[in-house]
Amino acid sequence: MASVYFIGAFLLLTLSSFLRINCRVIAATPLTSAIRHYEPLYYDVESLHAEHHRVKRSSQKNIVWELSAHGKKMKIILKRDTSIFTNDLVVETSEGPVHLDTSRVYVGHVLGKVQQ
């Protein structure tokens, strides 16, 4: 179950990092036949952004990210991973190619127990 939370957190982190958005879901419809229910993820956007910049400059390469989702508090340890995408990656949209900042790609896992 923790991996499901992590996947949702990773997707939201990735979207907010790439698009620099902060939004709250008011009403939700199923995303796919496999994902019928989801809830908003609450976290401190400014704190996470500051940690990302610290990691880029620091020899300490991990971020411990505290978040709240599905009525639970959890900590996720994240590490930058620029090897996920090839150097010649091209992201195409309906408006043409866009730059993808791969310095904002992280991998990680839930740290310890998920607190109710």
PDB file of N, CA and C in Angstrom:
ATOM      1  N   MET A   1       0.824  -1.195   0.000  1.00  0.00           N
ATOM      2  CA  MET A   1       0.000   0.000   0.000  1.00  0.00           C
ATOM      3  C   MET A   1       0.867   1.257   0.000  1.00  0.00           C
ATOM      4  N   ALA A   2       2.013   1.216   0.671  1.00  0.00           N
ATOM      5  CA  ALA A   2       2.908   2.373   0.704  1.00  0.00           C
ATOM      6  C   ALA A   2       3.412   2.715  -0.690  1.00  0.00           C
ATOM      7  N   SER A   3       3.598   1.704  -1.540  1.00  0.00           N
ATOM      8  CA  SER A   3       4.078   1.982  -2.895  1.00  0.00           C
ATOM      9  C   SER A   3       3.025   2.737  -3.703  1.00  0.00           C
ATOM     10  N   VAL A   4       1.745   2.487  -3.441  1.00  0.00           N
ATOM     11  CA  VAL A   4       0.684   3.221  -4.128  1.00  0.00           C
ATOM     12  C   VAL A   4       0.746   4.691  -3.737  1.00  0.00           C
ATOM     13  N   TYR A   5       0.926   4.974  -2.441  1.00  0.00           N
ATOM     14  CA  TYR A   5       1.062   6.349  -1.985  1.00  0.00           C
ATOM     15  C   TYR A   5       2.272   6.999  -2.634  1.00  0.00           C
ATOM     16  N   PHE A   6       3.376   6.238  -2.701  1.00  0.00           N
ATOM     17  CA  PHE A   6       4.600   6.785  -3.266  1.00  0.00           C
ATOM     18  C   PHE A   6       4.415   7.129  -4.739  1.00  0.00           C
ATOM     19  N   ILE A   7       3.743   6.272  -5.483  1.00  0.00           N
ATOM     20  CA  ILE A   7       3.532   6.531  -6.910  1.00  0.00           C
ATOM     21  C   ILE A   7       2.736   7.819  -7.091  1.00  0.00           C
ATOM     22  N   GLY A   8       1.678   7.972  -6.314  1.00  0.00           N
ATOM     23  CA  GLY A   8       0.890   9.203  -6.403  1.00  0.00           C
ATOM     24  C   GLY A   8       1.706  10.420  -6.012  1.00  0.00           C
ATOM     25  N   ALA A   9       2.492  10.290  -4.955  1.00  0.00           N
ATOM     26  CA  ALA A   9       3.345  11.390  -4.515  1.00  0.00           C
ATOM     27  C   ALA A   9       4.383  11.713  -5.580  1.00  0.00           C
ATOM     28  N   PHE A  10       4.967  10.679  -6.176  1.00  0.00           N
ATOM     29  CA  PHE A  10       5.977  10.888  -7.212  1.00  0.00           C
ATOM     30  C   PHE A  10       5.378  11.624  -8.404  1.00  0.00           C
ATOM     31  N   LEU A  11       4.187  11.208  -8.822  1.00  0.00           N
ATOM     32  CA  LEU A  11       3.555  11.858  -9.967  1.00  0.00           C
ATOM     33  C   LEU A  11       3.260  13.317  -9.673  1.00  0.00           C
ATOM     34  N   LEU A  12       2.734  13.602  -8.478  1.00  0.00           N
ATOM     35  CA  LEU A  12       2.425  14.981  -8.137  1.00  0.00           C
ATOM     36  C   LEU A  12       3.693  15.793  -7.995  1.00  0.00           C
ATOM     37  N   LEU A  13       4.713  15.230  -7.373  1.00  0.00           N
ATOM     38  CA  LEU A  13       5.992  15.917  -7.236  1.00  0.00           C
ATOM     39  C   LEU A  13       6.572  16.213  -8.604  1.00  0.00           C
ATOM     40  N   THR A  14       6.528  15.250  -9.481  1.00  0.00           N
ATOM     41  CA  THR A  14       7.064  15.431 -10.824  1.00  0.00           C
ATOM     42  C   THR A  14       6.311  16.537 -11.553  1.00  0.00           C
ATOM     43  N   LEU A  15       4.990  16.488 -11.503  1.00  0.00           N
ATOM     44  CA  LEU A  15       4.199  17.514 -12.183  1.00  0.00           C
ATOM     45  C   LEU A  15       4.447  18.893 -11.600  1.00  0.00           C
ATOM     46  N   SER A  16       4.445  19.015 -10.274  1.00  0.00           N
ATOM     47  CA  SER A  16       4.631  20.330  -9.676  1.00  0.00           C
ATOM     48  C   SER A  16       6.047  20.833  -9.898  1.00  0.00           C
ATOM     49  N   SER A  17       7.032  19.929  -9.967  1.00  0.00           N
ATOM     50  CA  SER A  17       8.400  20.351 -10.228  1.00  0.00           C
ATOM     51  C   SER A  17       8.573  20.816 -11.661  1.00  0.00           C
ATOM     52  N   PHE A  18       8.035  20.075 -12.611  1.00  0.00           N
ATOM     53  CA  PHE A  18       8.194  20.441 -14.014  1.00  0.00           C
ATOM     54  C   PHE A  18       7.341  21.655 -14.373  1.00  0.00           C
ATOM     55  N   LEU A  19       6.122  21.685 -13.916  1.00  0.00           N
ATOM     56  CA  LEU A  19       5.192  22.725 -14.324  1.00  0.00           C
ATOM     57  C   LEU A  19       5.128  23.878 -13.339  1.00  0.00           C
ATOM     58  N   ARG A  20       5.706  23.702 -12.133  1.00  0.00           N
ATOM     59  CA  ARG A  20       5.716  24.699 -11.066  1.00  0.00           C
ATOM     60  C   ARG A  20       4.293  25.159 -10.747  1.00  0.00           C
ATOM     61  N   ILE A  21       3.429  24.172 -10.463  1.00  0.00           N
ATOM     62  CA  ILE A  21       2.042  24.478 -10.138  1.00  0.00           C
ATOM     63  C   ILE A  21       1.745  24.063  -8.704  1.00  0.00           C
ATOM     64  N   ASN A  22       0.750  24.684  -8.147  1.00  0.00           N
ATOM     65  CA  ASN A  22       0.265  24.304  -6.831  1.00  0.00           C
ATOM     66  C   ASN A  22      -1.251  24.366  -6.912  1.00  0.00           C
ATOM     67  N   CYS A  23      -1.891  23.229  -6.896  1.00  0.00           N
ATOM     68  CA  CYS A  23      -3.337  23.216  -7.051  1.00  0.00           C
ATOM     69  C   CYS A  23      -3.956  22.264  -6.039  1.00  0.00           C
ATOM     70  N   ARG A  24      -5.236  22.437  -5.832  1.00  0.00           N
ATOM     71  CA  ARG A  24      -5.991  21.567  -4.939  1.00  0.00           C
ATOM     72  C   ARG A  24      -7.130  20.954  -5.742  1.00  0.00           C
ATOM     73  N   VAL A  25      -7.303  19.660  -5.583  1.00  0.00           N
ATOM     74  CA  VAL A  25      -8.374  18.962  -6.291  1.00  0.00           C
ATOM     75  C   VAL A  25      -9.666  19.137  -5.502  1.00  0.00           C
ATOM     76  N   ILE A  26     -10.685  19.673  -6.134  1.00  0.00           N
ATOM     77  CA  ILE A  26     -11.974  19.876  -5.470  1.00  0.00           C
ATOM     78  C   ILE A  26     -12.868  18.658  -5.684  1.00  0.00           C
ATOM     79  N   ALA A  27     -13.029  18.234  -6.906  1.00  0.00           N
ATOM     80  CA  ALA A  27     -13.822  17.053  -7.226  1.00  0.00           C
ATOM     81  C   ALA A  27     -13.021  16.223  -8.212  1.00  0.00           C
ATOM     82  N   ALA A  28     -13.134  14.923  -8.089  1.00  0.00           N
ATOM     83  CA  ALA A  28     -12.314  14.060  -8.932  1.00  0.00           C
ATOM     84  C   ALA A  28     -13.168  13.026  -9.643  1.00  0.00           C
ATOM     85  N   THR A  29     -12.832  12.791 -10.875  1.00  0.00           N
ATOM     86  CA  THR A  29     -13.425  11.698 -11.629  1.00  0.00           C
ATOM     87  C   THR A  29     -12.339  10.655 -11.828  1.00  0.00           C
ATOM     88  N   PRO A  30     -12.708   9.422 -12.112  1.00  0.00           N
ATOM     89  CA  PRO A  30     -11.681   8.391 -12.282  1.00  0.00           C
ATOM     90  C   PRO A  30     -10.656   8.790 -13.342  1.00  0.00           C
ATOM     91  N   LEU A  31      -9.378   8.558 -13.038  1.00  0.00           N
ATOM     92  CA  LEU A  31      -8.316   8.840 -14.000  1.00  0.00           C
ATOM     93  C   LEU A  31      -8.288   7.784 -15.088  1.00  0.00           C
ATOM     94  N   THR A  32      -8.362   6.532 -14.658  1.00  0.00           N
ATOM     95  CA  THR A  32      -8.372   5.393 -15.579  1.00  0.00           C
ATOM     96  C   THR A  32      -9.234   4.316 -14.941  1.00  0.00           C
ATOM     97  N   SER A  33      -9.388   3.193 -15.622  1.00  0.00           N
ATOM     98  CA  SER A  33     -10.145   2.091 -15.023  1.00  0.00           C
ATOM     99  C   SER A  33      -9.404   1.523 -13.815  1.00  0.00           C
ATOM    100  N   ALA A  34      -8.087   1.694 -13.753  1.00  0.00           N
ATOM    101  CA  ALA A  34      -7.298   1.179 -12.627  1.00  0.00           C
ATOM    102  C   ALA A  34      -7.278   2.154 -11.452  1.00  0.00           C
ATOM    103  N   ILE A  35      -7.436   3.456 -11.714  1.00  0.00           N
ATOM    104  CA  ILE A  35      -7.404   4.468 -10.653  1.00  0.00           C
ATOM    105  C   ILE A  35      -8.769   5.129 -10.605  1.00  0.00           C
ATOM    106  N   ARG A  36      -9.595   4.663  -9.676  1.00  0.00           N
ATOM    107  CA  ARG A  36     -10.959   5.177  -9.563  1.00  0.00           C
ATOM    108  C   ARG A  36     -11.096   6.240  -8.483  1.00  0.00           C
ATOM    109  N   HIS A  37     -10.181   6.222  -7.517  1.00  0.00           N
ATOM    110  CA  HIS A  37     -10.262   7.176  -6.415  1.00  0.00           C
ATOM    111  C   HIS A  37      -8.873   7.722  -6.121  1.00  0.00           C
ATOM    112  N   TYR A  38      -8.795   9.011  -5.944  1.00  0.00           N
ATOM    113  CA  TYR A  38      -7.548   9.623  -5.510  1.00  0.00           C
ATOM    114  C   TYR A  38      -7.891  10.849  -4.682  1.00  0.00           C
ATOM    115  N   GLU A  39      -6.941  11.275  -3.862  1.00  0.00           N
ATOM    116  CA  GLU A  39      -7.141  12.419  -2.992  1.00  0.00           C
ATOM    117  C   GLU A  39      -5.983  13.380  -3.165  1.00  0.00           C
ATOM    118  N   PRO A  40      -6.200  14.649  -2.788  1.00  0.00           N
ATOM    119  CA  PRO A  40      -5.104  15.611  -2.927  1.00  0.00           C
ATOM    120  C   PRO A  40      -3.950  15.274  -1.988  1.00  0.00           C
ATOM    121  N   LEU A  41      -2.787  15.711  -2.368  1.00  0.00           N
ATOM    122  CA  LEU A  41      -1.569  15.534  -1.590  1.00  0.00           C
ATOM    123  C   LEU A  41      -1.195  16.899  -1.050  1.00  0.00           C
ATOM    124  N   TYR A  42      -0.997  17.004   0.263  1.00  0.00           N
ATOM    125  CA  TYR A  42      -0.673  18.279   0.879  1.00  0.00           C
ATOM    126  C   TYR A  42       0.785  18.280   1.307  1.00  0.00           C
ATOM    127  N   TYR A  43       1.493  19.325   0.911  1.00  0.00           N
ATOM    128  CA  TYR A  43       2.888  19.481   1.313  1.00  0.00           C
ATOM    129  C   TYR A  43       3.289  20.937   1.142  1.00  0.00           C
ATOM    130  N   ASP A  44       4.404  21.304   1.756  1.00  0.00           N
ATOM    131  CA  ASP A  44       4.923  22.664   1.712  1.00  0.00           C
ATOM    132  C   ASP A  44       5.732  22.841   0.428  1.00  0.00           C
ATOM    133  N   VAL A  45       5.160  23.501  -0.559  1.00  0.00           N
ATOM    134  CA  VAL A  45       5.787  23.657  -1.872  1.00  0.00           C
ATOM    135  C   VAL A  45       7.100  24.428  -1.760  1.00  0.00           C
ATOM    136  N   GLU A  46       7.108  25.535  -1.002  1.00  0.00           N
ATOM    137  CA  GLU A  46       8.321  26.348  -0.889  1.00  0.00           C
ATOM    138  C   GLU A  46       9.454  25.574  -0.230  1.00  0.00           C
ATOM    139  N   SER A  47       9.130  24.813   0.801  1.00  0.00           N
ATOM    140  CA  SER A  47      10.148  24.019   1.491  1.00  0.00           C
ATOM    141  C   SER A  47      10.747  22.975   0.560  1.00  0.00           C
ATOM    142  N   LEU A  48       9.907  22.299  -0.201  1.00  0.00           N
ATOM    143  CA  LEU A  48      10.403  21.293  -1.135  1.00  0.00           C
ATOM    144  C   LEU A  48      11.256  21.937  -2.224  1.00  0.00           C
ATOM    145  N   HIS A  49      10.852  23.091  -2.707  1.00  0.00           N
ATOM    146  CA  HIS A  49      11.625  23.810  -3.727  1.00  0.00           C
ATOM    147  C   HIS A  49      13.001  24.198  -3.171  1.00  0.00           C
ATOM    148  N   ALA A  50      13.038  24.689  -1.925  1.00  0.00           N
ATOM    149  CA  ALA A  50      14.312  25.054  -1.294  1.00  0.00           C
ATOM    150  C   ALA A  50      15.209  23.833  -1.127  1.00  0.00           C
ATOM    151  N   GLU A  51      14.627  22.700  -0.746  1.00  0.00           N
ATOM    152  CA  GLU A  51      15.402  21.464  -0.601  1.00  0.00           C
ATOM    153  C   GLU A  51      15.985  21.025  -1.939  1.00  0.00           C
ATOM    154  N   HIS A  52      15.220  21.169  -3.011  1.00  0.00           N
ATOM    155  CA  HIS A  52      15.707  20.806  -4.344  1.00  0.00           C
ATOM    156  C   HIS A  52      16.946  21.631  -4.691  1.00  0.00           C
ATOM    157  N   HIS A  53      16.902  22.938  -4.414  1.00  0.00           N
ATOM    158  CA  HIS A  53      18.060  23.785  -4.716  1.00  0.00           C
ATOM    159  C   HIS A  53      19.236  23.468  -3.805  1.00  0.00           C
ATOM    160  N   ARG A  54      18.972  23.105  -2.547  1.00  0.00           N
ATOM    161  CA  ARG A  54      20.045  22.720  -1.636  1.00  0.00           C
ATOM    162  C   ARG A  54      20.736  21.468  -2.152  1.00  0.00           C
ATOM    163  N   VAL A  55      19.958  20.497  -2.605  1.00  0.00           N
ATOM    164  CA  VAL A  55      20.516  19.235  -3.097  1.00  0.00           C
ATOM    165  C   VAL A  55      21.392  19.472  -4.325  1.00  0.00           C
ATOM    166  N   LYS A  56      20.986  20.399  -5.188  1.00  0.00           N
ATOM    167  CA  LYS A  56      21.784  20.687  -6.388  1.00  0.00           C
ATOM    168  C   LYS A  56      23.166  21.226  -6.019  1.00  0.00           C
ATOM    169  N   ARG A  57      23.278  21.962  -4.890  1.00  0.00           N
ATOM    170  CA  ARG A  57      24.545  22.575  -4.492  1.00  0.00           C
ATOM    171  C   ARG A  57      25.329  21.744  -3.488  1.00  0.00           C
ATOM    172  N   SER A  58      24.694  20.813  -2.827  1.00  0.00           N
ATOM    173  CA  SER A  58      25.265  20.127  -1.672  1.00  0.00           C
ATOM    174  C   SER A  58      25.858  18.767  -2.029  1.00  0.00           C
ATOM    175  N   SER A  59      26.755  18.308  -1.150  1.00  0.00           N
ATOM    176  CA  SER A  59      27.249  16.932  -1.288  1.00  0.00           C
ATOM    177  C   SER A  59      26.232  15.949  -0.696  1.00  0.00           C
ATOM    178  N   GLN A  60      25.343  16.433   0.183  1.00  0.00           N
ATOM    179  CA  GLN A  60      24.257  15.620   0.740  1.00  0.00           C
ATOM    180  C   GLN A  60      23.155  15.583  -0.315  1.00  0.00           C
ATOM    181  N   LYS A  61      22.957  14.435  -0.941  1.00  0.00           N
ATOM    182  CA  LYS A  61      22.099  14.343  -2.121  1.00  0.00           C
ATOM    183  C   LYS A  61      20.677  13.855  -1.854  1.00  0.00           C
ATOM    184  N   ASN A  62      20.266  13.688  -0.619  1.00  0.00           N
ATOM    185  CA  ASN A  62      18.927  13.177  -0.315  1.00  0.00           C
ATOM    186  C   ASN A  62      18.021  14.274   0.224  1.00  0.00           C
ATOM    187  N   ILE A  63      16.748  14.127  -0.063  1.00  0.00           N
ATOM    188  CA  ILE A  63      15.714  14.992   0.503  1.00  0.00           C
ATOM    189  C   ILE A  63      14.788  14.104   1.318  1.00  0.00           C
ATOM    190  N   VAL A  64      14.499  14.496   2.541  1.00  0.00           N
ATOM    191  CA  VAL A  64      13.461  13.817   3.317  1.00  0.00           C
ATOM    192  C   VAL A  64      12.229  14.707   3.207  1.00  0.00           C
ATOM    193  N   TRP A  65      11.199  14.183   2.559  1.00  0.00           N
ATOM    194  CA  TRP A  65      10.000  14.943   2.230  1.00  0.00           C
ATOM    195  C   TRP A  65       8.861  14.464   3.106  1.00  0.00           C
ATOM    196  N   GLU A  66       8.307  15.369   3.922  1.00  0.00           N
ATOM    197  CA  GLU A  66       7.169  15.041   4.780  1.00  0.00           C
ATOM    198  C   GLU A  66       5.894  15.481   4.071  1.00  0.00           C
ATOM    199  N   LEU A  67       4.921  14.564   4.036  1.00  0.00           N
ATOM    200  CA  LEU A  67       3.679  14.885   3.350  1.00  0.00           C
ATOM    201  C   LEU A  67       2.504  14.226   4.042  1.00  0.00           C
ATOM    202  N   SER A  68       1.327  14.669   3.649  1.00  0.00           N
ATOM    203  CA  SER A  68       0.088  14.130   4.195  1.00  0.00           C
ATOM    204  C   SER A  68      -0.820  13.775   3.029  1.00  0.00           C
ATOM    205  N   ALA A  69      -1.279  12.522   3.009  1.00  0.00           N
ATOM    206  CA  ALA A  69      -2.183  12.062   1.956  1.00  0.00           C
ATOM    207  C   ALA A  69      -3.053  10.947   2.508  1.00  0.00           C
ATOM    208  N   HIS A  70      -4.295  10.896   2.071  1.00  0.00           N
ATOM    209  CA  HIS A  70      -5.233   9.856   2.497  1.00  0.00           C
ATOM    210  C   HIS A  70      -5.345   9.786   4.024  1.00  0.00           C
ATOM    211  N   GLY A  71      -5.266  10.947   4.689  1.00  0.00           N
ATOM    212  CA  GLY A  71      -5.394  11.010   6.135  1.00  0.00           C
ATOM    213  C   GLY A  71      -4.197  10.468   6.890  1.00  0.00           C
ATOM    214  N   LYS A  72      -3.075  10.298   6.230  1.00  0.00           N
ATOM    215  CA  LYS A  72      -1.878   9.751   6.865  1.00  0.00           C
ATOM    216  C   LYS A  72      -0.703  10.688   6.645  1.00  0.00           C
ATOM    217  N   LYS A  73       0.195  10.722   7.636  1.00  0.00           N
ATOM    218  CA  LYS A  73       1.444  11.471   7.508  1.00  0.00           C
ATOM    219  C   LYS A  73       2.548  10.477   7.195  1.00  0.00           C
ATOM    220  N   MET A  74       3.420  10.851   6.284  1.00  0.00           N
ATOM    221  CA  MET A  74       4.528   9.958   5.942  1.00  0.00           C
ATOM    222  C   MET A  74       5.742  10.769   5.537  1.00  0.00           C
ATOM    223  N   LYS A  75       6.874  10.101   5.580  1.00  0.00           N
ATOM    224  CA  LYS A  75       8.128  10.693   5.133  1.00  0.00           C
ATOM    225  C   LYS A  75       8.647   9.854   3.979  1.00  0.00           C
ATOM    226  N   ILE A  76       9.106  10.542   2.953  1.00  0.00           N
ATOM    227  CA  ILE A  76       9.680   9.875   1.791  1.00  0.00           C
ATOM    228  C   ILE A  76      11.101  10.386   1.631  1.00  0.00           C
ATOM    229  N   ILE A  77      12.035   9.483   1.447  1.00  0.00           N
ATOM    230  CA  ILE A  77      13.407   9.888   1.184  1.00  0.00           C
ATOM    231  C   ILE A  77      13.619   9.846  -0.324  1.00  0.00           C
ATOM    232  N   LEU A  78      14.081  10.967  -0.871  1.00  0.00           N
ATOM    233  CA  LEU A  78      14.232  11.122  -2.317  1.00  0.00           C
ATOM    234  C   LEU A  78      15.686  11.399  -2.676  1.00  0.00           C
ATOM    235  N   LYS A  79      16.098  10.901  -3.821  1.00  0.00           N
ATOM    236  CA  LYS A  79      17.445  11.139  -4.330  1.00  0.00           C
ATOM    237  C   LYS A  79      17.336  11.468  -5.811  1.00  0.00           C
ATOM    238  N   ARG A  80      18.087  12.483  -6.255  1.00  0.00           N
ATOM    239  CA  ARG A  80      18.074  12.843  -7.676  1.00  0.00           C
ATOM    240  C   ARG A  80      18.558  11.674  -8.509  1.00  0.00           C
ATOM    241  N   ASP A  81      17.922  11.488  -9.671  1.00  0.00           N
ATOM    242  CA  ASP A  81      18.338  10.428 -10.588  1.00  0.00           C
ATOM    243  C   ASP A  81      18.213  10.946 -12.015  1.00  0.00           C
ATOM    244  N   THR A  82      19.337  11.382 -12.571  1.00  0.00           N
ATOM    245  CA  THR A  82      19.334  11.912 -13.935  1.00  0.00           C
ATOM    246  C   THR A  82      19.492  10.812 -14.970  1.00  0.00           C
ATOM    247  N   SER A  83      19.625   9.566 -14.529  1.00  0.00           N
ATOM    248  CA  SER A  83      19.818   8.458 -15.473  1.00  0.00           C
ATOM    249  C   SER A  83      18.496   7.897 -16.014  1.00  0.00           C
ATOM    250  N   ILE A  84      17.373   8.384 -15.514  1.00  0.00           N
ATOM    251  CA  ILE A  84      16.074   7.867 -15.942  1.00  0.00           C
ATOM    252  C   ILE A  84      15.813   8.170 -17.415  1.00  0.00           C
ATOM    253  N   PHE A  85      16.216   9.343 -17.873  1.00  0.00           N
ATOM    254  CA  PHE A  85      16.000   9.748 -19.259  1.00  0.00           C
ATOM    255  C   PHE A  85      17.327   9.796 -20.006  1.00  0.00           C
ATOM    256  N   THR A  86      17.279   9.558 -21.302  1.00  0.00           N
ATOM    257  CA  THR A  86      18.486   9.670 -22.122  1.00  0.00           C
ATOM    258  C   THR A  86      18.825  11.145 -22.316  1.00  0.00           C
ATOM    259  N   ASN A  87      20.075  11.411 -22.672  1.00  0.00           N
ATOM    260  CA  ASN A  87      20.512  12.792 -22.877  1.00  0.00           C
ATOM    261  C   ASN A  87      19.832  13.449 -24.074  1.00  0.00           C
ATOM    262  N   ASP A  88      19.367  12.652 -25.025  1.00  0.00           N
ATOM    263  CA  ASP A  88      18.742  13.212 -26.224  1.00  0.00           C
ATOM    264  C   ASP A  88      17.207  13.158 -26.166  1.00  0.00           C
ATOM    265  N   LEU A  89      16.647  13.158 -24.957  1.00  0.00           N
ATOM    266  CA  LEU A  89      15.198  13.123 -24.775  1.00  0.00           C
ATOM    267  C   LEU A  89      14.546  14.345 -25.418  1.00  0.00           C
ATOM    268  N   VAL A  90      13.471  14.115 -26.144  1.00  0.00           N
ATOM    269  CA  VAL A  90      12.672  15.195 -26.724  1.00  0.00           C
ATOM    270  C   VAL A  90      11.235  14.986 -26.257  1.00  0.00           C
ATOM    271  N   VAL A  91      10.666  16.003 -25.621  1.00  0.00           N
ATOM    272  CA  VAL A  91       9.279  15.952 -25.168  1.00  0.00           C
ATOM    273  C   VAL A  91       8.462  16.819 -26.115  1.00  0.00           C
ATOM    274  N   GLU A  92       7.499  16.200 -26.775  1.00  0.00           N
ATOM    275  CA  GLU A  92       6.657  16.897 -27.749  1.00  0.00           C
ATOM    276  C   GLU A  92       5.275  17.148 -27.149  1.00  0.00           C
ATOM    277  N   THR A  93       4.776  18.345 -27.355  1.00  0.00           N
ATOM    278  CA  THR A  93       3.402  18.676 -26.987  1.00  0.00           C
ATOM    279  C   THR A  93       2.678  19.118 -28.255  1.00  0.00           C
ATOM    280  N   SER A  94       1.405  19.401 -28.134  1.00  0.00           N
ATOM    281  CA  SER A  94       0.653  19.885 -29.296  1.00  0.00           C
ATOM    282  C   SER A  94       1.158  21.252 -29.758  1.00  0.00           C
ATOM    283  N   GLU A  95       1.896  21.936 -28.883  1.00  0.00           N
ATOM    284  CA  GLU A  95       2.454  23.252 -29.231  1.00  0.00           C
ATOM    285  C   GLU A  95       3.923  23.168 -29.626  1.00  0.00           C
ATOM    286  N   GLY A  96       4.441  21.959 -29.755  1.00  0.00           N
ATOM    287  CA  GLY A  96       5.837  21.785 -30.150  1.00  0.00           C
ATOM    288  C   GLY A  96       6.679  21.214 -29.025  1.00  0.00           C
ATOM    289  N   PRO A  97       8.002  21.123 -29.233  1.00  0.00           N
ATOM    290  CA  PRO A  97       8.883  20.540 -28.221  1.00  0.00           C
ATOM    291  C   PRO A  97       9.017  21.448 -26.993  1.00  0.00           C
ATOM    292  N   VAL A  98       9.163  20.831 -25.825  1.00  0.00           N
ATOM    293  CA  VAL A  98       9.398  21.571 -24.582  1.00  0.00           C
ATOM    294  C   VAL A  98      10.643  21.013 -23.913  1.00  0.00           C
ATOM    295  N   HIS A  99      11.329  21.873 -23.168  1.00  0.00           N
ATOM    296  CA  HIS A  99      12.523  21.455 -22.440  1.00  0.00           C
ATOM    297  C   HIS A  99      12.103  20.733 -21.162  1.00  0.00           C
ATOM    298  N   LEU A 100      12.718  19.623 -20.876  1.00  0.00           N
ATOM    299  CA  LEU A 100      12.457  18.868 -19.655  1.00  0.00           C
ATOM    300  C   LEU A 100      13.698  18.946 -18.783  1.00  0.00           C
ATOM    301  N   ASP A 101      13.576  19.585 -17.621  1.00  0.00           N
ATOM    302  CA  ASP A 101      14.699  19.735 -16.696  1.00  0.00           C
ATOM    303  C   ASP A 101      14.857  18.441 -15.908  1.00  0.00           C
ATOM    304  N   THR A 102      15.781  17.584 -16.323  1.00  0.00           N
ATOM    305  CA  THR A 102      15.951  16.284 -15.665  1.00  0.00           C
ATOM    306  C   THR A 102      16.619  16.399 -14.303  1.00  0.00           C
ATOM    307  N   SER A 103      17.072  17.589 -13.920  1.00  0.00           N
ATOM    308  CA  SER A 103      17.616  17.755 -12.567  1.00  0.00           C
ATOM    309  C   SER A 103      16.503  17.701 -11.533  1.00  0.00           C
ATOM    310  N   ARG A 104      15.261  17.712 -11.973  1.00  0.00           N
ATOM    311  CA  ARG A 104      14.108  17.656 -11.070  1.00  0.00           C
ATOM    312  C   ARG A 104      13.476  16.271 -11.010  1.00  0.00           C
ATOM    313  N   VAL A 105      14.191  15.255 -11.450  1.00  0.00           N
ATOM    314  CA  VAL A 105      13.685  13.884 -11.409  1.00  0.00           C
ATOM    315  C   VAL A 105      14.297  13.185 -10.196  1.00  0.00           C
ATOM    316  N   TYR A 106      13.435  12.600  -9.375  1.00  0.00           N
ATOM    317  CA  TYR A 106      13.876  11.931  -8.153  1.00  0.00           C
ATOM    318  C   TYR A 106      13.337  10.506  -8.104  1.00  0.00           C
ATOM    319  N   VAL A 107      14.044   9.655  -7.390  1.00  0.00           N
ATOM    320  CA  VAL A 107      13.559   8.327  -7.035  1.00  0.00           C
ATOM    321  C   VAL A 107      13.607   8.246  -5.514  1.00  0.00           C
ATOM    322  N   GLY A 108      12.819   7.340  -4.934  1.00  0.00           N
ATOM    323  CA  GLY A 108      12.833   7.250  -3.487  1.00  0.00           C
ATOM    324  C   GLY A 108      11.908   6.187  -2.956  1.00  0.00           C
ATOM    325  N   HIS A 109      11.744   6.216  -1.630  1.00  0.00           N
ATOM    326  CA  HIS A 109      10.894   5.242  -0.960  1.00  0.00           C
ATOM    327  C   HIS A 109      10.332   5.848   0.323  1.00  0.00           C
ATOM    328  N   VAL A 110       9.262   5.233   0.825  1.00  0.00           N
ATOM    329  CA  VAL A 110       8.659   5.653   2.085  1.00  0.00           C
ATOM    330  C   VAL A 110       9.599   5.257   3.208  1.00  0.00           C
ATOM    331  N   LEU A 111       9.871   6.191   4.102  1.00  0.00           N
ATOM    332  CA  LEU A 111      10.792   5.984   5.208  1.00  0.00           C
ATOM    333  C   LEU A 111      10.018   5.531   6.440  1.00  0.00           C
ATOM    334  N   GLY A 112      10.338   4.362   6.959  1.00  0.00           N
ATOM    335  CA  GLY A 112       9.698   3.865   8.167  1.00  0.00           C
ATOM    336  C   GLY A 112       8.228   3.563   7.982  1.00  0.00           C
ATOM    337  N   LYS A 113       7.477   3.648   9.082  1.00  0.00           N
ATOM    338  CA  LYS A 113       6.046   3.354   9.059  1.00  0.00           C
ATOM    339  C   LYS A 113       5.248   4.579   8.646  1.00  0.00           C
ATOM    340  N   VAL A 114       4.145   4.327   7.970  1.00  0.00           N
ATOM    341  CA  VAL A 114       3.200   5.382   7.639  1.00  0.00           C
ATOM    342  C   VAL A 114       2.381   5.649   8.894  1.00  0.00           C
ATOM    343  N   GLN A 115       2.319   6.937   9.328  1.00  0.00           N
ATOM    344  CA  GLN A 115       1.596   7.286  10.552  1.00  0.00           C
ATOM    345  C   GLN A 115       0.146   7.612  10.241  1.00  0.00           C
ATOM    346  N   GLN A 116      -0.758   7.050  11.047  1.00  0.00           N
ATOM    347  CA  GLN A 116      -2.192   7.311  10.865  1.00  0.00           C
ATOM    348  C   GLN A 116      -2.508   8.720  11.299  1.00  0.00           C
TER     349      GLN A 116
END
